[in-house]
Structures are given as structure tokens and as C-alpha cells.
Amino acid sequence: MKTKLFLILLVAGMGLVAQCKKDNASFNAYFWTTDSYTTSNNIYLYVNGTNKGLLPNINLSCYSPNDTTVMQGGESVSLKQAATMIVLKSGKYTLLEKDSKGNVLSSSVLSISSNSMGSSGNLGGSCIEQAGNDLYANLYQ
């Protein structure tokens, strides 16, 4: 009797462990800003304290599936081409928008996984949308 109970508990435990798989989803994350401040200053994207490059100024407050092209430098280009793209895995990220002097213009926290996405902000604002394995994020003052 004890052997049967042990086997049942062992099989149930193995089933639970098998369901606790690590979420290794990857996302193409596209970032930009709508800050008019960027016309005379460079604005940078920091993810978890690491500079990931310039944030382009794109006149698009939030992404929608209809917004596939934007104007940049007087030309119509794809949003994916115009924005700064980085690959993010499932996890929690601190996003900062900084000017060239290191001043923080906006700060937010992004949490993503294969089945959910959430964000919260401390300073400035952000509009972050998920479309499949693509994330679209406007960071602004």
C-alpha cells in the first residue's frame, strides 16, 4: 500500500515539475520617443542600466496594427526600420530614457513573458504594446 502511494506521489510530483518550464520566449522590441526635446539633443535608451543606443523621435504616440509606416526625415519608412530594435527575452526590465548629459527623462519597468506583458512608470510616461512576439514602446517625458 505504501509503495502504491509513493508511486502516485512520485508521478504527480514529476508532472508538476514538467509543467514548471522556464519561459524562454524572445521578443523583438522596437523603441522610440515623441519628445520634441530630441530635435536639439540626443536621447538614449537604457535597459537595465546598459545604453542600447539612440531613441529616434517618431511622431507616433502608441502602436496600432495600422501604423506600419511613419515619416522620418521627410520620407515614409516602416516603423520597424525607424525605431531602435533590441531583442528581449521573457523577464523584467528597467527602461530609462536619458539625455546626453545623463539626465533621466522617463523611467518604467517592463515585465514580459510568452503569455503576458505589463508595465509601470515612475517618471515620464510610456506606451507599450505587444503584437505577437513584437513589442512597440514609446518612451516620453
C-alpha atoms as a PDB file:
ATOM      1  CA  MET A   1       0.000   0.000   0.000  1.00  0.00           C
ATOM      2  CA  LYS A   2       2.818   2.377   0.913  1.00  0.00           C
ATOM      3  CA  THR A   3       4.551   1.570  -2.379  1.00  0.00           C
ATOM      4  CA  LYS A   4       1.450   2.472  -4.427  1.00  0.00           C
ATOM      5  CA  LEU A   5       1.033   5.744  -2.543  1.00  0.00           C
ATOM      6  CA  PHE A   6       4.706   6.536  -3.023  1.00  0.00           C
ATOM      7  CA  LEU A   7       4.471   5.853  -6.779  1.00  0.00           C
ATOM      8  CA  ILE A   8       1.340   8.011  -7.114  1.00  0.00           C
ATOM      9  CA  LEU A   9       3.014  10.903  -5.294  1.00  0.00           C
ATOM     10  CA  LEU A  10       6.190  10.472  -7.337  1.00  0.00           C
ATOM     11  CA  VAL A  11       4.300  10.557 -10.661  1.00  0.00           C
ATOM     12  CA  ALA A  12       2.232  13.567  -9.542  1.00  0.00           C
ATOM     13  CA  GLY A  13       5.377  15.406  -8.460  1.00  0.00           C
ATOM     14  CA  MET A  14       7.092  14.706 -11.779  1.00  0.00           C
ATOM     15  CA  GLY A  15       4.035  16.043 -13.594  1.00  0.00           C
ATOM     16  CA  LEU A  16       4.189  19.275 -11.622  1.00  0.00           C
ATOM     17  CA  VAL A  17       7.903  19.710 -12.293  1.00  0.00           C
ATOM     18  CA  ALA A  18       7.358  19.119 -16.017  1.00  0.00           C
ATOM     19  CA  GLN A  19       4.771  21.933 -16.081  1.00  0.00           C
ATOM     20  CA  CYS A  20       7.195  24.417 -14.479  1.00  0.00           C
ATOM     21  CA  LYS A  21       9.169  25.042 -17.657  1.00  0.00           C
ATOM     22  CA  LYS A  22      11.236  28.205 -17.885  1.00  0.00           C
ATOM     23  CA  ASP A  23       9.742  30.752 -20.283  1.00  0.00           C
ATOM     24  CA  ASN A  24      12.451  31.374 -22.895  1.00  0.00           C
ATOM     25  CA  ALA A  25      10.340  33.427 -25.311  1.00  0.00           C
ATOM     26  CA  SER A  26      12.170  36.132 -27.269  1.00  0.00           C
ATOM     27  CA  PHE A  27      10.686  39.424 -28.385  1.00  0.00           C
ATOM     28  CA  ASN A  28      11.760  41.976 -30.975  1.00  0.00           C
ATOM     29  CA  ALA A  29      11.303  45.236 -29.069  1.00  0.00           C
ATOM     30  CA  TYR A  30      11.049  48.488 -31.058  1.00  0.00           C
ATOM     31  CA  PHE A  31      11.653  51.732 -29.140  1.00  0.00           C
ATOM     32  CA  TRP A  32      11.207  55.430 -29.969  1.00  0.00           C
ATOM     33  CA  THR A  33      10.309  58.735 -28.325  1.00  0.00           C
ATOM     34  CA  THR A  34       7.891  61.548 -29.117  1.00  0.00           C
ATOM     35  CA  ASP A  35       9.796  64.126 -27.062  1.00  0.00           C
ATOM     36  CA  SER A  36      10.242  67.345 -29.027  1.00  0.00           C
ATOM     37  CA  TYR A  37      13.354  67.798 -26.846  1.00  0.00           C
ATOM     38  CA  THR A  38      15.137  65.343 -29.161  1.00  0.00           C
ATOM     39  CA  THR A  39      15.255  67.807 -32.053  1.00  0.00           C
ATOM     40  CA  SER A  40      18.258  69.524 -30.469  1.00  0.00           C
ATOM     41  CA  ASN A  41      19.546  66.776 -28.142  1.00  0.00           C
ATOM     42  CA  ASN A  42      20.340  63.089 -28.394  1.00  0.00           C
ATOM     43  CA  ILE A  43      18.123  60.814 -26.327  1.00  0.00           C
ATOM     44  CA  TYR A  44      19.311  57.331 -25.365  1.00  0.00           C
ATOM     45  CA  LEU A  45      17.599  54.095 -24.366  1.00  0.00           C
ATOM     46  CA  TYR A  46      18.941  52.283 -21.306  1.00  0.00           C
ATOM     47  CA  VAL A  47      17.788  48.760 -20.461  1.00  0.00           C
ATOM     48  CA  ASN A  48      18.782  47.515 -17.007  1.00  0.00           C
ATOM     49  CA  GLY A  49      21.482  50.205 -16.880  1.00  0.00           C
ATOM     50  CA  THR A  50      23.039  49.451 -20.298  1.00  0.00           C
ATOM     51  CA  ASN A  51      22.970  52.012 -23.115  1.00  0.00           C
ATOM     52  CA  LYS A  52      21.209  50.390 -26.088  1.00  0.00           C
ATOM     53  CA  GLY A  53      21.517  53.351 -28.474  1.00  0.00           C
ATOM     54  CA  LEU A  54      19.719  56.433 -29.681  1.00  0.00           C
ATOM     55  CA  LEU A  55      15.955  56.764 -29.392  1.00  0.00           C
ATOM     56  CA  PRO A  56      14.639  58.223 -32.646  1.00  0.00           C
ATOM     57  CA  ASN A  57      11.937  60.895 -32.499  1.00  0.00           C
ATOM     58  CA  ILE A  58       8.886  59.423 -34.269  1.00  0.00           C
ATOM     59  CA  ASN A  59       5.516  61.153 -34.361  1.00  0.00           C
ATOM     60  CA  LEU A  60       3.539  58.152 -33.114  1.00  0.00           C
ATOM     61  CA  SER A  61       2.183  58.076 -29.579  1.00  0.00           C
ATOM     62  CA  CYS A  62       1.115  54.401 -29.443  1.00  0.00           C
ATOM     63  CA  TYR A  63       1.387  51.495 -31.846  1.00  0.00           C
ATOM     64  CA  SER A  64      -1.601  50.021 -33.629  1.00  0.00           C
ATOM     65  CA  PRO A  65      -1.607  47.408 -36.423  1.00  0.00           C
ATOM     66  CA  ASN A  66      -2.497  50.193 -38.885  1.00  0.00           C
ATOM     67  CA  ASP A  67       0.694  52.113 -38.033  1.00  0.00           C
ATOM     68  CA  THR A  68       3.186  50.230 -40.153  1.00  0.00           C
ATOM     69  CA  THR A  69       4.817  53.293 -41.733  1.00  0.00           C
ATOM     70  CA  VAL A  70       5.964  56.585 -40.226  1.00  0.00           C
ATOM     71  CA  MET A  71       7.542  59.770 -41.512  1.00  0.00           C
ATOM     72  CA  GLN A  72      11.224  60.150 -40.730  1.00  0.00           C
ATOM     73  CA  GLY A  73      13.498  62.722 -42.336  1.00  0.00           C
ATOM     74  CA  GLY A  74      10.736  63.616 -44.800  1.00  0.00           C
ATOM     75  CA  GLU A  75      10.392  60.020 -46.024  1.00  0.00           C
ATOM     76  CA  SER A  76       7.844  57.308 -45.350  1.00  0.00           C
ATOM     77  CA  VAL A  77       9.607  54.327 -43.746  1.00  0.00           C
ATOM     78  CA  SER A  78       8.466  51.261 -41.821  1.00  0.00           C
ATOM     79  CA  LEU A  79       8.130  51.687 -38.069  1.00  0.00           C
ATOM     80  CA  LYS A  80      10.371  48.656 -37.576  1.00  0.00           C
ATOM     81  CA  GLN A  81      13.055  50.293 -39.726  1.00  0.00           C
ATOM     82  CA  ALA A  82      12.806  53.688 -37.998  1.00  0.00           C
ATOM     83  CA  ALA A  83      12.727  52.515 -34.361  1.00  0.00           C
ATOM     84  CA  THR A  84      15.611  51.213 -32.258  1.00  0.00           C
ATOM     85  CA  MET A  85      15.242  47.430 -32.094  1.00  0.00           C
ATOM     86  CA  ILE A  86      16.651  45.116 -29.437  1.00  0.00           C
ATOM     87  CA  VAL A  87      15.836  41.508 -28.601  1.00  0.00           C
ATOM     88  CA  LEU A  88      14.435  40.890 -25.114  1.00  0.00           C
ATOM     89  CA  LYS A  89      13.789  37.522 -23.503  1.00  0.00           C
ATOM     90  CA  SER A  90      10.983  36.896 -21.044  1.00  0.00           C
ATOM     91  CA  GLY A  91      11.760  38.779 -17.856  1.00  0.00           C
ATOM     92  CA  LYS A  92      11.634  42.091 -16.044  1.00  0.00           C
ATOM     93  CA  TYR A  93      13.430  45.163 -17.405  1.00  0.00           C
ATOM     94  CA  THR A  94      14.043  48.709 -16.201  1.00  0.00           C
ATOM     95  CA  LEU A  95      13.736  51.114 -19.140  1.00  0.00           C
ATOM     96  CA  LEU A  96      15.267  54.585 -18.960  1.00  0.00           C
ATOM     97  CA  GLU A  97      15.208  57.457 -21.419  1.00  0.00           C
ATOM     98  CA  LYS A  98      18.266  59.686 -20.828  1.00  0.00           C
ATOM     99  CA  ASP A  99      19.637  62.794 -22.484  1.00  0.00           C
ATOM    100  CA  SER A 100      23.295  63.195 -23.468  1.00  0.00           C
ATOM    101  CA  LYS A 101      24.075  64.691 -20.021  1.00  0.00           C
ATOM    102  CA  GLY A 102      22.748  61.585 -18.269  1.00  0.00           C
ATOM    103  CA  ASN A 103      19.533  63.214 -17.025  1.00  0.00           C
ATOM    104  CA  VAL A 104      16.709  60.670 -16.731  1.00  0.00           C
ATOM    105  CA  LEU A 105      13.693  61.847 -18.734  1.00  0.00           C
ATOM    106  CA  SER A 106      11.486  58.806 -18.215  1.00  0.00           C
ATOM    107  CA  SER A 107      11.655  55.596 -16.231  1.00  0.00           C
ATOM    108  CA  SER A 108       9.484  52.492 -16.433  1.00  0.00           C
ATOM    109  CA  VAL A 109       9.546  48.795 -15.649  1.00  0.00           C
ATOM    110  CA  LEU A 110       8.528  46.235 -18.277  1.00  0.00           C
ATOM    111  CA  SER A 111       7.616  42.620 -17.492  1.00  0.00           C
ATOM    112  CA  ILE A 112       7.135  40.245 -20.420  1.00  0.00           C
ATOM    113  CA  SER A 113       6.505  36.551 -20.910  1.00  0.00           C
ATOM    114  CA  SER A 114       5.053  34.382 -23.644  1.00  0.00           C
ATOM    115  CA  ASN A 115       1.522  34.927 -22.314  1.00  0.00           C
ATOM    116  CA  SER A 116       1.572  38.359 -20.656  1.00  0.00           C
ATOM    117  CA  MET A 117       3.055  41.851 -20.707  1.00  0.00           C
ATOM    118  CA  GLY A 118       2.823  44.655 -18.172  1.00  0.00           C
ATOM    119  CA  SER A 119       4.500  47.958 -17.479  1.00  0.00           C
ATOM    120  CA  SER A 120       4.562  50.635 -14.816  1.00  0.00           C
ATOM    121  CA  GLY A 121       6.226  54.024 -14.745  1.00  0.00           C
ATOM    122  CA  ASN A 122       7.944  56.199 -12.177  1.00  0.00           C
ATOM    123  CA  LEU A 123       8.870  59.261 -14.226  1.00  0.00           C
ATOM    124  CA  GLY A 124       7.560  60.477 -17.568  1.00  0.00           C
ATOM    125  CA  GLY A 125       5.476  58.001 -19.483  1.00  0.00           C
ATOM    126  CA  SER A 126       5.427  55.077 -21.846  1.00  0.00           C
ATOM    127  CA  CYS A 127       3.035  53.419 -24.230  1.00  0.00           C
ATOM    128  CA  ILE A 128       3.998  49.783 -24.722  1.00  0.00           C
ATOM    129  CA  GLU A 129       2.006  47.412 -26.936  1.00  0.00           C
ATOM    130  CA  GLN A 130       2.564  43.743 -27.717  1.00  0.00           C
ATOM    131  CA  ALA A 131       1.720  42.169 -31.076  1.00  0.00           C
ATOM    132  CA  GLY A 132       2.723  38.506 -31.087  1.00  0.00           C
ATOM    133  CA  ASN A 133       6.481  38.389 -30.463  1.00  0.00           C
ATOM    134  CA  ASP A 134       6.913  42.089 -31.255  1.00  0.00           C
ATOM    135  CA  LEU A 135       6.853  44.864 -28.654  1.00  0.00           C
ATOM    136  CA  TYR A 136       6.384  48.526 -29.586  1.00  0.00           C
ATOM    137  CA  ALA A 137       7.379  51.136 -26.993  1.00  0.00           C
ATOM    138  CA  ASN A 138       7.194  54.920 -27.000  1.00  0.00           C
ATOM    139  CA  LEU A 139       9.095  56.411 -24.040  1.00  0.00           C
ATOM    140  CA  TYR A 140       8.463  60.095 -23.319  1.00  0.00           C
ATOM    141  CA  GLN A 141       8.822  62.847 -20.705  1.00  0.00           C
END
